[in-house]
């Protein structure tokens, strides 16, 4: 009479292999999710910065560093209301959210502006 079942060692081997596959897939999925969230946040920042640049073209400022509140961008129609920050999952619409614009001038009076999003 032949024994048709698996031995305990074979079952443990299969269990170990399945565990390794599930760990690898979990790590891969979490990395994909993290990369997606980071890309979404970068797109969010790009949209805020483009809106700020448009505002600055229409409302020039001669200072080297200044703040533009997100509420100002909403009030003037450069971004829509109910914009959600993908990192915090909160809507940005009050006076505490700013885009910090730094435009240092070089010797030839050229400017290269840097933008930073900040919540105070």
PDB file of N, CA and C in Angstrom:
ATOM      1  N   UNK A   1       0.829  -1.174   0.000  1.00  0.00           N
ATOM      2  CA  UNK A   1       0.000   0.000   0.000  1.00  0.00           C
ATOM      3  C   UNK A   1       0.880   1.247   0.000  1.00  0.00           C
ATOM      4  N   UNK A   2       0.582   2.143  -0.958  1.00  0.00           N
ATOM      5  CA  UNK A   2       1.389   3.367  -1.059  1.00  0.00           C
ATOM      6  C   UNK A   2       0.788   4.471  -0.200  1.00  0.00           C
ATOM      7  N   UNK A   3       1.688   5.275   0.381  1.00  0.00           N
ATOM      8  CA  UNK A   3       1.281   6.439   1.160  1.00  0.00           C
ATOM      9  C   UNK A   3       1.255   7.650   0.229  1.00  0.00           C
ATOM     10  N   UNK A   4       0.103   8.300   0.054  1.00  0.00           N
ATOM     11  CA  UNK A   4      -0.023   9.379  -0.925  1.00  0.00           C
ATOM     12  C   UNK A   4       0.049  10.776  -0.281  1.00  0.00           C
ATOM     13  N   UNK A   5       0.268  10.935   0.956  1.00  0.00           N
ATOM     14  CA  UNK A   5       0.302  12.242   1.621  1.00  0.00           C
ATOM     15  C   UNK A   5       1.686  12.874   1.584  1.00  0.00           C
ATOM     16  N   UNK A   6       1.753  14.143   2.016  1.00  0.00           N
ATOM     17  CA  UNK A   6       3.027  14.865   2.095  1.00  0.00           C
ATOM     18  C   UNK A   6       3.623  14.679   3.485  1.00  0.00           C
ATOM     19  N   UNK A   7       4.920  14.704   3.555  1.00  0.00           N
ATOM     20  CA  UNK A   7       5.566  14.620   4.859  1.00  0.00           C
ATOM     21  C   UNK A   7       5.543  16.002   5.515  1.00  0.00           C
ATOM     22  N   UNK A   8       5.782  16.010   6.797  1.00  0.00           N
ATOM     23  CA  UNK A   8       5.796  17.265   7.547  1.00  0.00           C
ATOM     24  C   UNK A   8       6.867  18.211   7.015  1.00  0.00           C
ATOM     25  N   UNK A   9       8.005  17.706   6.645  1.00  0.00           N
ATOM     26  CA  UNK A   9       9.096  18.521   6.104  1.00  0.00           C
ATOM     27  C   UNK A   9       8.668  19.168   4.787  1.00  0.00           C
ATOM     28  N   UNK A  10       8.004  18.431   3.938  1.00  0.00           N
ATOM     29  CA  UNK A  10       7.540  18.992   2.666  1.00  0.00           C
ATOM     30  C   UNK A  10       6.524  20.105   2.900  1.00  0.00           C
ATOM     31  N   UNK A  11       5.598  19.905   3.828  1.00  0.00           N
ATOM     32  CA  UNK A  11       4.595  20.935   4.140  1.00  0.00           C
ATOM     33  C   UNK A  11       5.257  22.188   4.719  1.00  0.00           C
ATOM     34  N   UNK A  12       6.241  22.003   5.587  1.00  0.00           N
ATOM     35  CA  UNK A  12       6.961  23.149   6.140  1.00  0.00           C
ATOM     36  C   UNK A  12       7.738  23.886   5.051  1.00  0.00           C
ATOM     37  N   UNK A  13       8.313  23.160   4.135  1.00  0.00           N
ATOM     38  CA  UNK A  13       9.031  23.784   3.015  1.00  0.00           C
ATOM     39  C   UNK A  13       8.091  24.639   2.167  1.00  0.00           C
ATOM     40  N   UNK A  14       6.921  24.124   1.875  1.00  0.00           N
ATOM     41  CA  UNK A  14       5.935  24.894   1.098  1.00  0.00           C
ATOM     42  C   UNK A  14       5.496  26.127   1.877  1.00  0.00           C
ATOM     43  N   UNK A  15       5.296  25.963   3.176  1.00  0.00           N
ATOM     44  CA  UNK A  15       4.904  27.099   4.019  1.00  0.00           C
ATOM     45  C   UNK A  15       5.973  28.191   4.030  1.00  0.00           C
ATOM     46  N   UNK A  16       7.228  27.812   4.109  1.00  0.00           N
ATOM     47  CA  UNK A  16       8.332  28.774   4.085  1.00  0.00           C
ATOM     48  C   UNK A  16       8.373  29.508   2.743  1.00  0.00           C
ATOM     49  N   UNK A  17       8.222  28.767   1.653  1.00  0.00           N
ATOM     50  CA  UNK A  17       8.241  29.384   0.317  1.00  0.00           C
ATOM     51  C   UNK A  17       7.088  30.378   0.172  1.00  0.00           C
ATOM     52  N   UNK A  18       5.885  30.007   0.599  1.00  0.00           N
ATOM     53  CA  UNK A  18       4.737  30.920   0.516  1.00  0.00           C
ATOM     54  C   UNK A  18       4.935  32.158   1.403  1.00  0.00           C
ATOM     55  N   UNK A  19       5.543  31.973   2.555  1.00  0.00           N
ATOM     56  CA  UNK A  19       5.819  33.111   3.445  1.00  0.00           C
ATOM     57  C   UNK A  19       6.791  34.090   2.793  1.00  0.00           C
ATOM     58  N   UNK A  20       7.833  33.581   2.172  1.00  0.00           N
ATOM     59  CA  UNK A  20       8.811  34.441   1.501  1.00  0.00           C
ATOM     60  C   UNK A  20       8.159  35.204   0.355  1.00  0.00           C
ATOM     61  N   UNK A  21       7.338  34.518  -0.427  1.00  0.00           N
ATOM     62  CA  UNK A  21       6.645  35.186  -1.543  1.00  0.00           C
ATOM     63  C   UNK A  21       5.717  36.279  -1.026  1.00  0.00           C
ATOM     64  N   UNK A  22       4.997  36.013   0.064  1.00  0.00           N
ATOM     65  CA  UNK A  22       4.078  37.033   0.589  1.00  0.00           C
ATOM     66  C   UNK A  22       4.837  38.225   1.160  1.00  0.00           C
ATOM     67  N   UNK A  23       5.968  38.017   1.793  1.00  0.00           N
ATOM     68  CA  UNK A  23       6.775  39.131   2.324  1.00  0.00           C
ATOM     69  C   UNK A  23       7.300  39.989   1.187  1.00  0.00           C
ATOM     70  N   UNK A  24       7.814  39.351   0.147  1.00  0.00           N
ATOM     71  CA  UNK A  24       8.334  40.100  -1.003  1.00  0.00           C
ATOM     72  C   UNK A  24       7.229  40.909  -1.664  1.00  0.00           C
ATOM     73  N   UNK A  25       6.046  40.315  -1.835  1.00  0.00           N
ATOM     74  CA  UNK A  25       4.951  41.049  -2.471  1.00  0.00           C
ATOM     75  C   UNK A  25       4.466  42.190  -1.590  1.00  0.00           C
ATOM     76  N   UNK A  26       4.437  42.014  -0.278  1.00  0.00           N
ATOM     77  CA  UNK A  26       4.026  43.085   0.624  1.00  0.00           C
ATOM     78  C   UNK A  26       4.977  44.279   0.532  1.00  0.00           C
ATOM     79  N   UNK A  27       6.273  44.004   0.532  1.00  0.00           N
ATOM     80  CA  UNK A  27       7.262  45.081   0.432  1.00  0.00           C
ATOM     81  C   UNK A  27       7.125  45.803  -0.902  1.00  0.00           C
ATOM     82  N   UNK A  28       6.926  45.064  -1.976  1.00  0.00           N
ATOM     83  CA  UNK A  28       6.780  45.680  -3.296  1.00  0.00           C
ATOM     84  C   UNK A  28       5.536  46.563  -3.364  1.00  0.00           C
ATOM     85  N   UNK A  29       4.431  46.070  -2.835  1.00  0.00           N
ATOM     86  CA  UNK A  29       3.181  46.848  -2.865  1.00  0.00           C
ATOM     87  C   UNK A  29       3.309  48.102  -2.008  1.00  0.00           C
ATOM     88  N   UNK A  30       3.947  48.003  -0.859  1.00  0.00           N
ATOM     89  CA  UNK A  30       4.092  49.198  -0.014  1.00  0.00           C
ATOM     90  C   UNK A  30       5.003  50.229  -0.679  1.00  0.00           C
ATOM     91  N   UNK A  31       6.033  49.778  -1.392  1.00  0.00           N
ATOM     92  CA  UNK A  31       6.903  50.718  -2.118  1.00  0.00           C
ATOM     93  C   UNK A  31       6.151  51.390  -3.257  1.00  0.00           C
ATOM     94  N   UNK A  32       5.327  50.639  -3.961  1.00  0.00           N
ATOM     95  CA  UNK A  32       4.530  51.217  -5.047  1.00  0.00           C
ATOM     96  C   UNK A  32       3.582  52.271  -4.495  1.00  0.00           C
ATOM     97  N   UNK A  33       2.931  51.991  -3.383  1.00  0.00           N
ATOM     98  CA  UNK A  33       2.003  52.942  -2.761  1.00  0.00           C
ATOM     99  C   UNK A  33       2.743  54.197  -2.311  1.00  0.00           C
ATOM    100  N   UNK A  34       3.905  54.017  -1.704  1.00  0.00           N
ATOM    101  CA  UNK A  34       4.692  55.164  -1.240  1.00  0.00           C
ATOM    102  C   UNK A  34       5.127  56.034  -2.418  1.00  0.00           C
ATOM    103  N   UNK A  35       5.588  55.410  -3.509  1.00  0.00           N
ATOM    104  CA  UNK A  35       6.003  56.165  -4.698  1.00  0.00           C
ATOM    105  C   UNK A  35       4.820  56.908  -5.308  1.00  0.00           C
ATOM    106  N   UNK A  36       3.656  56.293  -5.335  1.00  0.00           N
ATOM    107  CA  UNK A  36       2.462  56.931  -5.875  1.00  0.00           C
ATOM    108  C   UNK A  36       2.105  58.166  -5.054  1.00  0.00           C
ATOM    109  N   UNK A  37       2.156  58.047  -3.724  1.00  0.00           N
ATOM    110  CA  UNK A  37       1.834  59.178  -2.859  1.00  0.00           C
ATOM    111  C   UNK A  37       2.846  60.306  -3.038  1.00  0.00           C
ATOM    112  N   UNK A  38       4.106  59.970  -3.189  1.00  0.00           N
ATOM    113  CA  UNK A  38       5.135  60.997  -3.380  1.00  0.00           C
ATOM    114  C   UNK A  38       4.943  61.718  -4.716  1.00  0.00           C
ATOM    115  N   UNK A  39       4.624  60.969  -5.773  1.00  0.00           N
ATOM    116  CA  UNK A  39       4.377  61.596  -7.074  1.00  0.00           C
ATOM    117  C   UNK A  39       3.142  62.484  -7.025  1.00  0.00           C
ATOM    118  N   UNK A  40       2.110  62.038  -6.313  1.00  0.00           N
ATOM    119  CA  UNK A  40       0.897  62.845  -6.175  1.00  0.00           C
ATOM    120  C   UNK A  40       1.204  64.148  -5.443  1.00  0.00           C
ATOM    121  N   UNK A  41       2.029  64.076  -4.400  1.00  0.00           N
ATOM    122  CA  UNK A  41       2.406  65.278  -3.657  1.00  0.00           C
ATOM    123  C   UNK A  41       3.250  66.212  -4.528  1.00  0.00           C
ATOM    124  N   UNK A  42       4.139  65.667  -5.344  1.00  0.00           N
ATOM    125  CA  UNK A  42       4.949  66.502  -6.245  1.00  0.00           C
ATOM    126  C   UNK A  42       4.065  67.218  -7.264  1.00  0.00           C
ATOM    127  N   UNK A  43       3.057  66.530  -7.806  1.00  0.00           N
ATOM    128  CA  UNK A  43       2.119  67.177  -8.740  1.00  0.00           C
ATOM    129  C   UNK A  43       1.336  68.277  -8.035  1.00  0.00           C
ATOM    130  N   UNK A  44       0.949  68.012  -6.797  1.00  0.00           N
ATOM    131  CA  UNK A  44       0.242  69.012  -5.996  1.00  0.00           C
ATOM    132  C   UNK A  44       1.099  70.266  -5.834  1.00  0.00           C
ATOM    133  N   UNK A  45       2.375  70.081  -5.473  1.00  0.00           N
ATOM    134  CA  UNK A  45       3.277  71.226  -5.302  1.00  0.00           C
ATOM    135  C   UNK A  45       3.492  71.966  -6.623  1.00  0.00           C
ATOM    136  N   UNK A  46       3.652  71.225  -7.715  1.00  0.00           N
ATOM    137  CA  UNK A  46       3.833  71.875  -9.017  1.00  0.00           C
ATOM    138  C   UNK A  46       2.634  72.749  -9.365  1.00  0.00           C
ATOM    139  N   UNK A  47       1.433  72.259  -9.089  1.00  0.00           N
ATOM    140  CA  UNK A  47       0.233  73.054  -9.369  1.00  0.00           C
ATOM    141  C   UNK A  47       0.191  74.321  -8.517  1.00  0.00           C
ATOM    142  N   UNK A  48       0.570  74.196  -7.258  1.00  0.00           N
ATOM    143  CA  UNK A  48       0.601  75.370  -6.378  1.00  0.00           C
ATOM    144  C   UNK A  48       1.646  76.365  -6.871  1.00  0.00           C
ATOM    145  N   UNK A  49       2.807  75.877  -7.281  1.00  0.00           N
ATOM    146  CA  UNK A  49       3.875  76.772  -7.735  1.00  0.00           C
ATOM    147  C   UNK A  49       3.512  77.459  -9.047  1.00  0.00           C
ATOM    148  N   UNK A  50       2.867  76.730  -9.958  1.00  0.00           N
ATOM    149  CA  UNK A  50       2.435  77.348 -11.220  1.00  0.00           C
ATOM    150  C   UNK A  50       1.395  78.437 -10.940  1.00  0.00           C
ATOM    151  N   UNK A  51       0.480  78.156 -10.022  1.00  0.00           N
ATOM    152  CA  UNK A  51      -0.511  79.164  -9.653  1.00  0.00           C
ATOM    153  C   UNK A  51       0.169  80.387  -9.039  1.00  0.00           C
ATOM    154  N   UNK A  52       1.198  80.157  -8.221  1.00  0.00           N
ATOM    155  CA  UNK A  52       1.930  81.266  -7.614  1.00  0.00           C
ATOM    156  C   UNK A  52       2.664  82.077  -8.673  1.00  0.00           C
ATOM    157  N   UNK A  53       3.285  81.399  -9.630  1.00  0.00           N
ATOM    158  CA  UNK A  53       3.964  82.117 -10.707  1.00  0.00           C
ATOM    159  C   UNK A  53       2.983  82.971 -11.504  1.00  0.00           C
ATOM    160  N   UNK A  54       1.809  82.433 -11.785  1.00  0.00           N
ATOM    161  CA  UNK A  54       0.784  83.200 -12.509  1.00  0.00           C
ATOM    162  C   UNK A  54       0.357  84.416 -11.700  1.00  0.00           C
ATOM    163  N   UNK A  55       0.188  84.228 -10.402  1.00  0.00           N
ATOM    164  CA  UNK A  55      -0.177  85.348  -9.535  1.00  0.00           C
ATOM    165  C   UNK A  55       0.915  86.418  -9.554  1.00  0.00           C
ATOM    166  N   UNK A  56       2.175  85.986  -9.512  1.00  0.00           N
ATOM    167  CA  UNK A  56       3.276  86.952  -9.481  1.00  0.00           C
ATOM    168  C   UNK A  56       3.429  87.687 -10.801  1.00  0.00           C
ATOM    169  N   UNK A  57       3.072  87.057 -11.915  1.00  0.00           N
ATOM    170  CA  UNK A  57       3.112  87.755 -13.197  1.00  0.00           C
ATOM    171  C   UNK A  57       2.075  88.876 -13.208  1.00  0.00           C
ATOM    172  N   UNK A  58       0.898  88.574 -12.667  1.00  0.00           N
ATOM    173  CA  UNK A  58      -0.166  89.571 -12.634  1.00  0.00           C
ATOM    174  C   UNK A  58       0.012  90.595 -11.515  1.00  0.00           C
ATOM    175  N   UNK A  59       0.723  90.236 -10.462  1.00  0.00           N
ATOM    176  CA  UNK A  59       0.937  91.106  -9.309  1.00  0.00           C
ATOM    177  C   UNK A  59       2.423  91.119  -8.964  1.00  0.00           C
ATOM    178  N   UNK A  60       3.230  91.840  -9.737  1.00  0.00           N
ATOM    179  CA  UNK A  60       4.683  91.787  -9.525  1.00  0.00           C
ATOM    180  C   UNK A  60       5.088  92.309  -8.147  1.00  0.00           C
ATOM    181  N   UNK A  61       6.175  91.741  -7.654  1.00  0.00           N
ATOM    182  CA  UNK A  61       6.712  92.130  -6.360  1.00  0.00           C
ATOM    183  C   UNK A  61       8.215  92.302  -6.531  1.00  0.00           C
ATOM    184  N   UNK A  62       8.769  93.348  -5.957  1.00  0.00           N
ATOM    185  CA  UNK A  62      10.195  93.628  -6.150  1.00  0.00           C
ATOM    186  C   UNK A  62      11.068  93.102  -5.020  1.00  0.00           C
ATOM    187  N   UNK A  63      10.455  92.590  -3.966  1.00  0.00           N
ATOM    188  CA  UNK A  63      11.243  92.062  -2.857  1.00  0.00           C
ATOM    189  C   UNK A  63      11.886  90.731  -3.247  1.00  0.00           C
ATOM    190  N   UNK A  64      12.966  90.376  -2.548  1.00  0.00           N
ATOM    191  CA  UNK A  64      13.651  89.125  -2.858  1.00  0.00           C
ATOM    192  C   UNK A  64      12.961  87.923  -2.219  1.00  0.00           C
ATOM    193  N   UNK A  65      12.329  88.112  -1.077  1.00  0.00           N
ATOM    194  CA  UNK A  65      11.617  87.024  -0.403  1.00  0.00           C
ATOM    195  C   UNK A  65      10.259  87.539   0.049  1.00  0.00           C
ATOM    196  N   UNK A  66       9.232  86.797  -0.265  1.00  0.00           N
ATOM    197  CA  UNK A  66       7.892  87.183   0.153  1.00  0.00           C
ATOM    198  C   UNK A  66       6.999  85.965   0.212  1.00  0.00           C
ATOM    199  N   UNK A  67       5.873  86.126   0.893  1.00  0.00           N
ATOM    200  CA  UNK A  67       4.933  85.028   1.078  1.00  0.00           C
ATOM    201  C   UNK A  67       3.671  85.290   0.267  1.00  0.00           C
ATOM    202  N   UNK A  68       3.136  84.245  -0.300  1.00  0.00           N
ATOM    203  CA  UNK A  68       1.838  84.310  -0.964  1.00  0.00           C
ATOM    204  C   UNK A  68       0.969  83.261  -0.285  1.00  0.00           C
ATOM    205  N   UNK A  69      -0.118  83.692   0.336  1.00  0.00           N
ATOM    206  CA  UNK A  69      -0.954  82.711   1.022  1.00  0.00           C
ATOM    207  C   UNK A  69      -1.798  81.946   0.011  1.00  0.00           C
ATOM    208  N   UNK A  70      -2.105  80.726   0.362  1.00  0.00           N
ATOM    209  CA  UNK A  70      -2.955  79.906  -0.503  1.00  0.00           C
ATOM    210  C   UNK A  70      -4.338  80.528  -0.585  1.00  0.00           C
ATOM    211  N   UNK A  71      -4.788  81.159   0.489  1.00  0.00           N
ATOM    212  CA  UNK A  71      -6.086  81.838   0.464  1.00  0.00           C
ATOM    213  C   UNK A  71      -6.099  82.938  -0.592  1.00  0.00           C
ATOM    214  N   UNK A  72      -4.998  83.653  -0.750  1.00  0.00           N
ATOM    215  CA  UNK A  72      -4.893  84.675  -1.793  1.00  0.00           C
ATOM    216  C   UNK A  72      -5.019  84.047  -3.173  1.00  0.00           C
ATOM    217  N   UNK A  73      -4.358  82.916  -3.379  1.00  0.00           N
ATOM    218  CA  UNK A  73      -4.443  82.227  -4.672  1.00  0.00           C
ATOM    219  C   UNK A  73      -5.867  81.756  -4.953  1.00  0.00           C
ATOM    220  N   UNK A  74      -6.572  81.324  -3.916  1.00  0.00           N
ATOM    221  CA  UNK A  74      -7.966  80.902  -4.082  1.00  0.00           C
ATOM    222  C   UNK A  74      -8.853  82.114  -4.357  1.00  0.00           C
ATOM    223  N   UNK A  75      -8.661  83.202  -3.574  1.00  0.00           N
ATOM    224  CA  UNK A  75      -9.490  84.400  -3.735  1.00  0.00           C
ATOM    225  C   UNK A  75      -9.364  85.013  -5.129  1.00  0.00           C
ATOM    226  N   UNK A  76      -8.159  84.971  -5.691  1.00  0.00           N
ATOM    227  CA  UNK A  76      -7.933  85.553  -7.015  1.00  0.00           C
ATOM    228  C   UNK A  76      -8.202  84.547  -8.148  1.00  0.00           C
ATOM    229  N   UNK A  77      -8.593  83.329  -7.808  1.00  0.00           N
ATOM    230  CA  UNK A  77      -8.977  82.346  -8.806  1.00  0.00           C
ATOM    231  C   UNK A  77      -7.833  81.602  -9.465  1.00  0.00           C
ATOM    232  N   UNK A  78      -6.646  81.601  -8.870  1.00  0.00           N
ATOM    233  CA  UNK A  78      -5.510  80.886  -9.453  1.00  0.00           C
ATOM    234  C   UNK A  78      -5.545  79.396  -9.140  1.00  0.00           C
ATOM    235  N   UNK A  79      -6.169  79.030  -8.034  1.00  0.00           N
ATOM    236  CA  UNK A  79      -6.435  77.621  -7.741  1.00  0.00           C
ATOM    237  C   UNK A  79      -7.868  77.525  -7.246  1.00  0.00           C
ATOM    238  N   UNK A  80      -8.446  76.333  -7.417  1.00  0.00           N
ATOM    239  CA  UNK A  80      -9.827  76.149  -6.998  1.00  0.00           C
ATOM    240  C   UNK A  80      -9.893  75.923  -5.497  1.00  0.00           C
ATOM    241  N   UNK A  81     -11.080  76.142  -4.970  1.00  0.00           N
ATOM    242  CA  UNK A  81     -11.271  75.862  -3.551  1.00  0.00           C
ATOM    243  C   UNK A  81     -11.254  74.365  -3.326  1.00  0.00           C
ATOM    244  N   UNK A  82     -11.152  73.973  -2.082  1.00  0.00           N
ATOM    245  CA  UNK A  82     -11.167  72.565  -1.687  1.00  0.00           C
ATOM    246  C   UNK A  82     -10.011  71.778  -2.287  1.00  0.00           C
ATOM    247  N   UNK A  83      -8.828  72.359  -2.260  1.00  0.00           N
ATOM    248  CA  UNK A  83      -7.629  71.654  -2.693  1.00  0.00           C
ATOM    249  C   UNK A  83      -7.132  70.848  -1.497  1.00  0.00           C
ATOM    250  N   UNK A  84      -6.879  69.569  -1.729  1.00  0.00           N
ATOM    251  CA  UNK A  84      -6.460  68.694  -0.632  1.00  0.00           C
ATOM    252  C   UNK A  84      -4.969  68.401  -0.738  1.00  0.00           C
ATOM    253  N   UNK A  85      -4.278  68.603   0.372  1.00  0.00           N
ATOM    254  CA  UNK A  85      -2.867  68.255   0.456  1.00  0.00           C
ATOM    255  C   UNK A  85      -2.760  66.738   0.550  1.00  0.00           C
ATOM    256  N   UNK A  86      -2.124  66.084  -0.436  1.00  0.00           N
ATOM    257  CA  UNK A  86      -2.063  64.622  -0.423  1.00  0.00           C
ATOM    258  C   UNK A  86      -1.291  64.031   0.747  1.00  0.00           C
ATOM    259  N   UNK A  87      -0.377  64.796   1.328  1.00  0.00           N
ATOM    260  CA  UNK A  87       0.397  64.266   2.456  1.00  0.00           C
ATOM    261  C   UNK A  87      -0.420  64.260   3.738  1.00  0.00           C
ATOM    262  N   UNK A  88      -1.091  65.371   4.020  1.00  0.00           N
ATOM    263  CA  UNK A  88      -1.835  65.487   5.272  1.00  0.00           C
ATOM    264  C   UNK A  88      -3.287  65.084   5.123  1.00  0.00           C
ATOM    265  N   UNK A  89      -3.772  64.956   3.885  1.00  0.00           N
ATOM    266  CA  UNK A  89      -5.165  64.629   3.579  1.00  0.00           C
ATOM    267  C   UNK A  89      -6.131  65.694   4.084  1.00  0.00           C
ATOM    268  N   UNK A  90      -5.617  66.900   4.299  1.00  0.00           N
ATOM    269  CA  UNK A  90      -6.452  68.006   4.756  1.00  0.00           C
ATOM    270  C   UNK A  90      -6.587  69.031   3.647  1.00  0.00           C
ATOM    271  N   UNK A  91      -7.723  69.720   3.656  1.00  0.00           N
ATOM    272  CA  UNK A  91      -7.947  70.778   2.672  1.00  0.00           C
ATOM    273  C   UNK A  91      -7.132  72.005   3.061  1.00  0.00           C
ATOM    274  N   UNK A  92      -6.525  72.643   2.053  1.00  0.00           N
ATOM    275  CA  UNK A  92      -5.774  73.862   2.327  1.00  0.00           C
ATOM    276  C   UNK A  92      -6.621  75.041   1.870  1.00  0.00           C
ATOM    277  N   UNK A  93      -6.995  75.861   2.812  1.00  0.00           N
ATOM    278  CA  UNK A  93      -7.847  76.984   2.450  1.00  0.00           C
ATOM    279  C   UNK A  93      -7.771  78.144   3.432  1.00  0.00           C
ATOM    280  N   UNK A  94      -6.905  78.064   4.399  1.00  0.00           N
ATOM    281  CA  UNK A  94      -6.881  79.143   5.365  1.00  0.00           C
ATOM    282  C   UNK A  94      -5.593  79.947   5.256  1.00  0.00           C
ATOM    283  N   UNK A  95      -5.454  80.902   6.129  1.00  0.00           N
ATOM    284  CA  UNK A  95      -4.305  81.817   6.104  1.00  0.00           C
ATOM    285  C   UNK A  95      -3.014  81.167   6.588  1.00  0.00           C
ATOM    286  N   UNK A  96      -3.066  79.931   7.041  1.00  0.00           N
ATOM    287  CA  UNK A  96      -1.877  79.278   7.582  1.00  0.00           C
ATOM    288  C   UNK A  96      -1.026  78.592   6.524  1.00  0.00           C
ATOM    289  N   UNK A  97      -1.531  78.472   5.301  1.00  0.00           N
ATOM    290  CA  UNK A  97      -0.800  77.817   4.234  1.00  0.00           C
ATOM    291  C   UNK A  97      -0.207  78.862   3.299  1.00  0.00           C
ATOM    292  N   UNK A  98       1.109  78.811   3.115  1.00  0.00           N
ATOM    293  CA  UNK A  98       1.820  79.814   2.330  1.00  0.00           C
ATOM    294  C   UNK A  98       2.732  79.172   1.305  1.00  0.00           C
ATOM    295  N   UNK A  99       2.969  79.907   0.251  1.00  0.00           N
ATOM    296  CA  UNK A  99       4.044  79.581  -0.667  1.00  0.00           C
ATOM    297  C   UNK A  99       5.110  80.641  -0.434  1.00  0.00           C
ATOM    298  N   UNK A 100       6.283  80.216  -0.011  1.00  0.00           N
ATOM    299  CA  UNK A 100       7.392  81.128   0.242  1.00  0.00           C
ATOM    300  C   UNK A 100       8.161  81.262  -1.071  1.00  0.00           C
ATOM    301  N   UNK A 101       8.277  82.474  -1.554  1.00  0.00           N
ATOM    302  CA  UNK A 101       8.960  82.732  -2.823  1.00  0.00           C
ATOM    303  C   UNK A 101      10.256  83.461  -2.520  1.00  0.00           C
ATOM    304  N   UNK A 102      11.368  82.888  -2.983  1.00  0.00           N
ATOM    305  CA  UNK A 102      12.680  83.522  -2.805  1.00  0.00           C
ATOM    306  C   UNK A 102      13.271  83.748  -4.191  1.00  0.00           C
ATOM    307  N   UNK A 103      13.487  85.013  -4.515  1.00  0.00           N
ATOM    308  CA  UNK A 103      14.028  85.383  -5.826  1.00  0.00           C
ATOM    309  C   UNK A 103      15.288  86.211  -5.645  1.00  0.00           C
ATOM    310  N   UNK A 104      16.405  85.578  -5.301  1.00  0.00           N
ATOM    311  CA  UNK A 104      17.639  86.356  -5.169  1.00  0.00           C
ATOM    312  C   UNK A 104      18.119  86.845  -6.534  1.00  0.00           C
ATOM    313  N   UNK A 105      18.581  88.075  -6.552  1.00  0.00           N
ATOM    314  CA  UNK A 105      19.084  88.658  -7.799  1.00  0.00           C
ATOM    315  C   UNK A 105      20.597  88.514  -7.848  1.00  0.00           C
ATOM    316  N   UNK A 106      21.080  88.156  -9.020  1.00  0.00           N
ATOM    317  CA  UNK A 106      22.523  88.031  -9.166  1.00  0.00           C
ATOM    318  C   UNK A 106      23.107  89.368  -9.646  1.00  0.00           C
ATOM    319  N   UNK A 107      24.378  89.377  -9.987  1.00  0.00           N
ATOM    320  CA  UNK A 107      25.065  90.612 -10.361  1.00  0.00           C
ATOM    321  C   UNK A 107      24.471  91.258 -11.611  1.00  0.00           C
ATOM    322  N   UNK A 108      23.907  90.445 -12.498  1.00  0.00           N
ATOM    323  CA  UNK A 108      23.323  90.998 -13.727  1.00  0.00           C
ATOM    324  C   UNK A 108      21.835  91.264 -13.589  1.00  0.00           C
ATOM    325  N   UNK A 109      21.331  91.235 -12.347  1.00  0.00           N
ATOM    326  CA  UNK A 109      19.940  91.531 -12.038  1.00  0.00           C
ATOM    327  C   UNK A 109      18.980  90.465 -12.577  1.00  0.00           C
ATOM    328  N   UNK A 110      19.472  89.253 -12.790  1.00  0.00           N
ATOM    329  CA  UNK A 110      18.606  88.141 -13.174  1.00  0.00           C
ATOM    330  C   UNK A 110      18.070  87.489 -11.912  1.00  0.00           C
ATOM    331  N   UNK A 111      16.869  86.965 -11.991  1.00  0.00           N
ATOM    332  CA  UNK A 111      16.297  86.297 -10.823  1.00  0.00           C
ATOM    333  C   UNK A 111      16.024  84.837 -11.148  1.00  0.00           C
ATOM    334  N   UNK A 112      16.240  84.012 -10.173  1.00  0.00           N
ATOM    335  CA  UNK A 112      15.914  82.605 -10.264  1.00  0.00           C
ATOM    336  C   UNK A 112      15.148  82.264  -8.994  1.00  0.00           C
ATOM    337  N   UNK A 113      13.840  82.136  -9.112  1.00  0.00           N
ATOM    338  CA  UNK A 113      12.994  82.000  -7.933  1.00  0.00           C
ATOM    339  C   UNK A 113      12.918  80.562  -7.441  1.00  0.00           C
ATOM    340  N   UNK A 114      12.881  80.410  -6.133  1.00  0.00           N
ATOM    341  CA  UNK A 114      12.672  79.125  -5.476  1.00  0.00           C
ATOM    342  C   UNK A 114      11.354  79.213  -4.709  1.00  0.00           C
ATOM    343  N   UNK A 115      10.592  78.128  -4.739  1.00  0.00           N
ATOM    344  CA  UNK A 115       9.292  78.096  -4.078  1.00  0.00           C
ATOM    345  C   UNK A 115       9.288  77.010  -3.027  1.00  0.00           C
ATOM    346  N   UNK A 116       8.733  77.316  -1.862  1.00  0.00           N
ATOM    347  CA  UNK A 116       8.573  76.349  -0.792  1.00  0.00           C
ATOM    348  C   UNK A 116       7.158  76.452  -0.258  1.00  0.00           C
ATOM    349  N   UNK A 117       6.499  75.313  -0.090  1.00  0.00           N
ATOM    350  CA  UNK A 117       5.159  75.287   0.492  1.00  0.00           C
ATOM    351  C   UNK A 117       5.303  75.089   1.983  1.00  0.00           C
ATOM    352  N   UNK A 118       4.571  75.868   2.762  1.00  0.00           N
ATOM    353  CA  UNK A 118       4.737  75.826   4.210  1.00  0.00           C
ATOM    354  C   UNK A 118       3.398  76.056   4.892  1.00  0.00           C
ATOM    355  N   UNK A 119       3.183  75.329   5.976  1.00  0.00           N
ATOM    356  CA  UNK A 119       2.016  75.562   6.816  1.00  0.00           C
ATOM    357  C   UNK A 119       2.517  76.116   8.138  1.00  0.00           C
ATOM    358  N   UNK A 120       1.925  77.190   8.563  1.00  0.00           N
ATOM    359  CA  UNK A 120       2.370  77.830   9.815  1.00  0.00           C
ATOM    360  C   UNK A 120       1.411  77.576  10.944  1.00  0.00           C
TER     361      UNK A 120
END
